[in-house]
Amino acid sequence: MYARDNESGANQSQEQPAADRVNAAVDAFRMLSDATRLRLMWLLSHGEYDVGSLAETIAVSRPLVSQHLAKLRLAGLVHTRRDGRRVLYRARDSHVRALIAEALFHADHEVSGTPRHD
């Protein structure tokens, strides 16, 4: 190995991710690339909601919210639980909540012109 081969500081933990992981991440980003789904995920990152509450909060029809939720659920981004006759939705886990928050924090820098930070 030559010294210049390791100039970037790359090590074992920085190896390229496996193709299946990349594909799963791409699928998640694809699901989040829709404005309605991202708004839903923002709400679901902060609590549990039923379809009616979500539809009212983001001013979208119940059938459309249901369709988006079905896609998000299939993508593994949303978890459900029954409460009597209602189905409550929430973001699946802390990784999903962090992903949503970071995406919107990044967007805030883009829109507001707030200086970037590491």
N, C-alpha and C. Protein backbone atom coordinates (compact mmCIF):
# COMPACT_ATOMS: atom_id res chain seq x y z
N MET A 1 0.84 -1.16 0.00
CA MET A 1 0.00 0.00 0.00
C MET A 1 0.89 1.24 0.00
N TYR A 2 0.52 2.21 -0.78
CA TYR A 2 1.25 3.46 -0.83
C TYR A 2 0.61 4.46 0.12
N ALA A 3 1.41 5.37 0.63
CA ALA A 3 0.91 6.36 1.58
C ALA A 3 -0.24 7.16 0.98
N ARG A 4 -0.14 7.49 -0.30
CA ARG A 4 -1.19 8.31 -0.91
C ARG A 4 -2.51 7.55 -1.05
N ASP A 5 -2.48 6.23 -0.99
CA ASP A 5 -3.71 5.45 -1.08
C ASP A 5 -4.60 5.66 0.14
N ASN A 6 -4.02 6.08 1.23
CA ASN A 6 -4.78 6.24 2.46
C ASN A 6 -4.86 7.70 2.90
N GLU A 7 -4.59 8.63 1.98
CA GLU A 7 -4.58 10.04 2.33
C GLU A 7 -5.93 10.53 2.82
N SER A 8 -7.00 9.96 2.33
CA SER A 8 -8.34 10.43 2.71
C SER A 8 -8.68 10.07 4.14
N GLY A 9 -7.88 9.23 4.76
CA GLY A 9 -8.16 8.81 6.12
C GLY A 9 -9.18 7.68 6.17
N ALA A 10 -9.48 7.09 5.03
CA ALA A 10 -10.45 6.00 4.98
C ALA A 10 -9.94 4.82 5.78
N ASN A 11 -10.87 4.15 6.45
CA ASN A 11 -10.53 2.94 7.17
C ASN A 11 -11.64 1.92 6.96
N GLN A 12 -11.56 0.81 7.66
CA GLN A 12 -12.54 -0.26 7.48
C GLN A 12 -13.97 0.22 7.68
N SER A 13 -14.20 1.10 8.66
CA SER A 13 -15.57 1.54 8.95
C SER A 13 -16.12 2.48 7.88
N GLN A 14 -15.27 2.93 6.96
CA GLN A 14 -15.71 3.84 5.91
C GLN A 14 -15.83 3.14 4.56
N GLU A 15 -15.87 1.83 4.57
CA GLU A 15 -16.03 1.11 3.32
C GLU A 15 -17.41 1.40 2.74
N GLN A 16 -17.53 1.20 1.46
CA GLN A 16 -18.81 1.42 0.78
C GLN A 16 -19.89 0.51 1.36
N PRO A 17 -21.10 1.02 1.53
CA PRO A 17 -22.18 0.17 2.04
C PRO A 17 -22.58 -0.87 1.00
N ALA A 18 -23.12 -1.97 1.48
CA ALA A 18 -23.56 -3.04 0.59
C ALA A 18 -24.71 -2.55 -0.27
N ALA A 19 -24.86 -3.15 -1.43
CA ALA A 19 -25.88 -2.75 -2.39
C ALA A 19 -27.29 -2.81 -1.81
N ASP A 20 -27.58 -3.83 -1.00
CA ASP A 20 -28.93 -3.93 -0.45
C ASP A 20 -29.24 -2.78 0.51
N ARG A 21 -28.23 -2.32 1.23
CA ARG A 21 -28.43 -1.16 2.12
C ARG A 21 -28.64 0.11 1.31
N VAL A 22 -27.85 0.29 0.27
CA VAL A 22 -28.02 1.46 -0.58
C VAL A 22 -29.41 1.46 -1.20
N ASN A 23 -29.84 0.32 -1.69
CA ASN A 23 -31.17 0.23 -2.31
C ASN A 23 -32.28 0.53 -1.31
N ALA A 24 -32.14 0.05 -0.09
CA ALA A 24 -33.14 0.33 0.95
C ALA A 24 -33.18 1.82 1.26
N ALA A 25 -32.02 2.46 1.32
CA ALA A 25 -31.97 3.90 1.57
C ALA A 25 -32.59 4.68 0.41
N VAL A 26 -32.30 4.27 -0.80
CA VAL A 26 -32.88 4.92 -1.98
C VAL A 26 -34.40 4.80 -1.95
N ASP A 27 -34.91 3.64 -1.59
CA ASP A 27 -36.35 3.44 -1.50
C ASP A 27 -36.96 4.37 -0.45
N ALA A 28 -36.30 4.53 0.69
CA ALA A 28 -36.80 5.42 1.73
C ALA A 28 -36.81 6.86 1.24
N PHE A 29 -35.71 7.30 0.61
CA PHE A 29 -35.67 8.66 0.08
C PHE A 29 -36.72 8.88 -1.00
N ARG A 30 -36.96 7.87 -1.80
CA ARG A 30 -37.99 7.96 -2.85
C ARG A 30 -39.36 8.21 -2.21
N MET A 31 -39.64 7.51 -1.12
CA MET A 31 -40.92 7.69 -0.43
C MET A 31 -41.02 9.09 0.16
N LEU A 32 -39.92 9.64 0.59
CA LEU A 32 -39.93 10.95 1.24
C LEU A 32 -39.83 12.10 0.24
N SER A 33 -39.71 11.79 -1.04
CA SER A 33 -39.55 12.84 -2.04
C SER A 33 -40.88 13.49 -2.44
N ASP A 34 -41.96 13.07 -1.84
CA ASP A 34 -43.28 13.65 -2.10
C ASP A 34 -43.61 14.61 -0.95
N ALA A 35 -44.06 15.81 -1.28
CA ALA A 35 -44.31 16.83 -0.25
C ALA A 35 -45.38 16.39 0.75
N THR A 36 -46.44 15.76 0.28
CA THR A 36 -47.49 15.31 1.20
C THR A 36 -46.96 14.25 2.15
N ARG A 37 -46.20 13.29 1.62
CA ARG A 37 -45.65 12.25 2.49
C ARG A 37 -44.66 12.82 3.49
N LEU A 38 -43.86 13.80 3.08
CA LEU A 38 -42.91 14.41 4.01
C LEU A 38 -43.66 15.17 5.11
N ARG A 39 -44.72 15.87 4.76
CA ARG A 39 -45.53 16.55 5.78
C ARG A 39 -46.13 15.53 6.75
N LEU A 40 -46.64 14.43 6.21
CA LEU A 40 -47.18 13.37 7.07
C LEU A 40 -46.10 12.83 8.00
N MET A 41 -44.94 12.57 7.46
CA MET A 41 -43.87 12.01 8.27
C MET A 41 -43.41 13.00 9.35
N TRP A 42 -43.44 14.29 9.05
CA TRP A 42 -43.08 15.28 10.07
C TRP A 42 -44.05 15.17 11.25
N LEU A 43 -45.33 15.11 10.95
CA LEU A 43 -46.33 14.96 12.01
C LEU A 43 -46.14 13.65 12.76
N LEU A 44 -45.94 12.57 12.02
CA LEU A 44 -45.82 11.25 12.63
C LEU A 44 -44.53 11.09 13.42
N SER A 45 -43.58 11.97 13.18
CA SER A 45 -42.34 11.97 13.96
C SER A 45 -42.54 12.59 15.34
N HIS A 46 -43.67 13.25 15.50
CA HIS A 46 -43.92 13.95 16.75
C HIS A 46 -45.11 13.39 17.53
N GLY A 47 -45.70 12.31 17.03
CA GLY A 47 -46.81 11.71 17.77
C GLY A 47 -47.61 10.76 16.91
N GLU A 48 -48.66 10.23 17.52
CA GLU A 48 -49.55 9.30 16.82
C GLU A 48 -50.78 10.05 16.30
N TYR A 49 -51.21 9.66 15.12
CA TYR A 49 -52.38 10.29 14.50
C TYR A 49 -53.20 9.23 13.79
N ASP A 50 -54.50 9.48 13.70
CA ASP A 50 -55.34 8.66 12.84
C ASP A 50 -55.48 9.36 11.49
N VAL A 51 -56.07 8.69 10.53
CA VAL A 51 -56.17 9.23 9.17
C VAL A 51 -56.93 10.56 9.17
N GLY A 52 -58.04 10.60 9.88
CA GLY A 52 -58.85 11.82 9.90
C GLY A 52 -58.10 13.02 10.44
N SER A 53 -57.36 12.82 11.51
CA SER A 53 -56.58 13.92 12.10
C SER A 53 -55.49 14.40 11.15
N LEU A 54 -54.83 13.45 10.51
CA LEU A 54 -53.78 13.81 9.54
C LEU A 54 -54.38 14.59 8.38
N ALA A 55 -55.49 14.11 7.85
CA ALA A 55 -56.13 14.76 6.70
C ALA A 55 -56.52 16.20 7.05
N GLU A 56 -57.09 16.37 8.23
CA GLU A 56 -57.50 17.70 8.66
C GLU A 56 -56.29 18.61 8.87
N THR A 57 -55.25 18.10 9.48
CA THR A 57 -54.08 18.91 9.81
C THR A 57 -53.35 19.41 8.57
N ILE A 58 -53.22 18.56 7.55
CA ILE A 58 -52.49 19.00 6.35
C ILE A 58 -53.42 19.38 5.20
N ALA A 59 -54.73 19.40 5.46
CA ALA A 59 -55.73 19.83 4.48
C ALA A 59 -55.67 19.02 3.18
N VAL A 60 -55.68 17.70 3.35
CA VAL A 60 -55.67 16.77 2.22
C VAL A 60 -56.80 15.77 2.47
N SER A 61 -57.39 15.24 1.42
CA SER A 61 -58.50 14.31 1.58
C SER A 61 -58.08 13.04 2.31
N ARG A 62 -59.03 12.45 3.02
CA ARG A 62 -58.76 11.20 3.75
C ARG A 62 -58.29 10.09 2.82
N PRO A 63 -58.93 9.88 1.66
CA PRO A 63 -58.45 8.81 0.77
C PRO A 63 -57.00 9.01 0.33
N LEU A 64 -56.63 10.25 0.06
CA LEU A 64 -55.25 10.52 -0.37
C LEU A 64 -54.28 10.26 0.79
N VAL A 65 -54.65 10.68 1.99
CA VAL A 65 -53.80 10.41 3.15
C VAL A 65 -53.65 8.90 3.34
N SER A 66 -54.74 8.17 3.22
CA SER A 66 -54.69 6.71 3.37
C SER A 66 -53.75 6.07 2.35
N GLN A 67 -53.80 6.54 1.12
CA GLN A 67 -52.91 6.00 0.08
C GLN A 67 -51.45 6.27 0.41
N HIS A 68 -51.16 7.48 0.84
CA HIS A 68 -49.78 7.82 1.20
C HIS A 68 -49.31 7.00 2.40
N LEU A 69 -50.17 6.84 3.39
CA LEU A 69 -49.81 6.06 4.57
C LEU A 69 -49.54 4.60 4.22
N ALA A 70 -50.32 4.06 3.29
CA ALA A 70 -50.09 2.68 2.86
C ALA A 70 -48.71 2.53 2.24
N LYS A 71 -48.31 3.48 1.42
CA LYS A 71 -46.98 3.44 0.80
C LYS A 71 -45.88 3.57 1.86
N LEU A 72 -46.07 4.49 2.79
CA LEU A 72 -45.07 4.68 3.84
C LEU A 72 -44.96 3.45 4.73
N ARG A 73 -46.07 2.81 4.97
CA ARG A 73 -46.06 1.59 5.78
C ARG A 73 -45.33 0.46 5.05
N LEU A 74 -45.63 0.29 3.77
CA LEU A 74 -44.94 -0.74 2.99
C LEU A 74 -43.44 -0.49 2.92
N ALA A 75 -43.05 0.76 2.93
CA ALA A 75 -41.63 1.12 2.88
C ALA A 75 -40.96 0.96 4.24
N GLY A 76 -41.73 0.63 5.27
CA GLY A 76 -41.15 0.44 6.60
C GLY A 76 -40.87 1.72 7.35
N LEU A 77 -41.48 2.82 6.93
CA LEU A 77 -41.24 4.11 7.58
C LEU A 77 -42.27 4.43 8.64
N VAL A 78 -43.41 3.73 8.61
CA VAL A 78 -44.53 4.01 9.50
C VAL A 78 -44.94 2.74 10.22
N HIS A 79 -45.30 2.90 11.47
CA HIS A 79 -45.80 1.79 12.30
C HIS A 79 -47.24 2.11 12.67
N THR A 80 -48.07 1.07 12.80
CA THR A 80 -49.46 1.27 13.19
C THR A 80 -49.80 0.49 14.45
N ARG A 81 -50.84 0.97 15.10
CA ARG A 81 -51.42 0.21 16.20
C ARG A 81 -52.91 0.53 16.24
N ARG A 82 -53.67 -0.45 16.69
CA ARG A 82 -55.12 -0.29 16.81
C ARG A 82 -55.47 0.29 18.17
N ASP A 83 -56.44 1.19 18.14
CA ASP A 83 -57.02 1.75 19.36
C ASP A 83 -58.52 1.69 19.16
N GLY A 84 -59.11 0.57 19.55
CA GLY A 84 -60.53 0.35 19.27
C GLY A 84 -60.74 0.19 17.78
N ARG A 85 -61.56 1.04 17.21
CA ARG A 85 -61.82 0.98 15.77
C ARG A 85 -60.84 1.82 14.96
N ARG A 86 -60.09 2.65 15.65
CA ARG A 86 -59.14 3.53 14.95
C ARG A 86 -57.80 2.85 14.77
N VAL A 87 -57.12 3.24 13.70
CA VAL A 87 -55.73 2.84 13.48
C VAL A 87 -54.90 4.10 13.66
N LEU A 88 -53.91 4.00 14.54
CA LEU A 88 -53.01 5.13 14.80
C LEU A 88 -51.67 4.88 14.11
N TYR A 89 -51.14 5.92 13.53
CA TYR A 89 -49.88 5.86 12.79
C TYR A 89 -48.83 6.69 13.50
N ARG A 90 -47.58 6.26 13.37
CA ARG A 90 -46.45 7.03 13.90
C ARG A 90 -45.21 6.64 13.11
N ALA A 91 -44.19 7.47 13.20
CA ALA A 91 -42.91 7.15 12.56
C ALA A 91 -42.36 5.88 13.20
N ARG A 92 -41.76 5.04 12.42
CA ARG A 92 -41.39 3.69 12.86
C ARG A 92 -40.41 3.67 14.03
N ASP A 93 -39.37 4.51 13.98
CA ASP A 93 -38.36 4.47 15.04
C ASP A 93 -37.54 5.74 15.06
N SER A 94 -36.56 5.79 15.95
CA SER A 94 -35.75 6.99 16.10
C SER A 94 -34.92 7.29 14.86
N HIS A 95 -34.54 6.28 14.10
CA HIS A 95 -33.78 6.52 12.86
C HIS A 95 -34.64 7.29 11.86
N VAL A 96 -35.87 6.89 11.72
CA VAL A 96 -36.79 7.56 10.78
C VAL A 96 -37.05 8.99 11.27
N ARG A 97 -37.30 9.15 12.57
CA ARG A 97 -37.54 10.49 13.11
C ARG A 97 -36.33 11.40 12.88
N ALA A 98 -35.14 10.88 13.08
CA ALA A 98 -33.92 11.66 12.88
C ALA A 98 -33.74 12.02 11.40
N LEU A 99 -34.05 11.08 10.52
CA LEU A 99 -33.94 11.32 9.08
C LEU A 99 -34.85 12.47 8.66
N ILE A 100 -36.09 12.46 9.13
CA ILE A 100 -37.04 13.52 8.79
C ILE A 100 -36.56 14.85 9.35
N ALA A 101 -36.17 14.86 10.60
CA ALA A 101 -35.71 16.10 11.22
C ALA A 101 -34.50 16.67 10.50
N GLU A 102 -33.52 15.84 10.20
CA GLU A 102 -32.30 16.32 9.53
C GLU A 102 -32.60 16.83 8.13
N ALA A 103 -33.49 16.15 7.41
CA ALA A 103 -33.84 16.61 6.06
C ALA A 103 -34.45 18.00 6.12
N LEU A 104 -35.33 18.22 7.08
CA LEU A 104 -35.97 19.53 7.18
C LEU A 104 -35.05 20.58 7.79
N PHE A 105 -34.14 20.19 8.68
CA PHE A 105 -33.14 21.15 9.17
C PHE A 105 -32.22 21.58 8.03
N HIS A 106 -31.84 20.62 7.18
CA HIS A 106 -31.03 20.95 6.01
C HIS A 106 -31.79 21.92 5.11
N ALA A 107 -33.07 21.65 4.88
CA ALA A 107 -33.88 22.53 4.03
C ALA A 107 -33.97 23.93 4.63
N ASP A 108 -34.03 24.02 5.95
CA ASP A 108 -34.08 25.32 6.61
C ASP A 108 -32.84 26.14 6.29
N HIS A 109 -31.68 25.49 6.28
CA HIS A 109 -30.45 26.20 5.90
C HIS A 109 -30.54 26.68 4.46
N GLU A 110 -31.07 25.85 3.59
CA GLU A 110 -31.20 26.21 2.18
C GLU A 110 -32.12 27.42 2.00
N VAL A 111 -33.24 27.43 2.70
CA VAL A 111 -34.26 28.45 2.53
C VAL A 111 -33.92 29.73 3.26
N SER A 112 -33.42 29.62 4.48
CA SER A 112 -33.19 30.80 5.32
C SER A 112 -31.83 31.45 5.10
N GLY A 113 -30.90 30.69 4.53
CA GLY A 113 -29.56 31.23 4.38
C GLY A 113 -28.75 31.16 5.67
N THR A 114 -29.26 30.46 6.66
CA THR A 114 -28.54 30.29 7.93
C THR A 114 -27.22 29.60 7.65
N PRO A 115 -26.13 30.09 8.24
CA PRO A 115 -24.82 29.47 7.99
C PRO A 115 -24.83 27.98 8.34
N ARG A 116 -24.08 27.25 7.57
CA ARG A 116 -23.97 25.79 7.79
C ARG A 116 -23.02 25.53 8.96
N HIS A 117 -23.16 24.34 9.52
CA HIS A 117 -22.33 23.96 10.63
C HIS A 117 -22.07 22.46 10.57
N ASP A 118 -21.04 22.01 11.27
CA ASP A 118 -20.74 20.57 11.35
C ASP A 118 -21.03 20.06 12.72
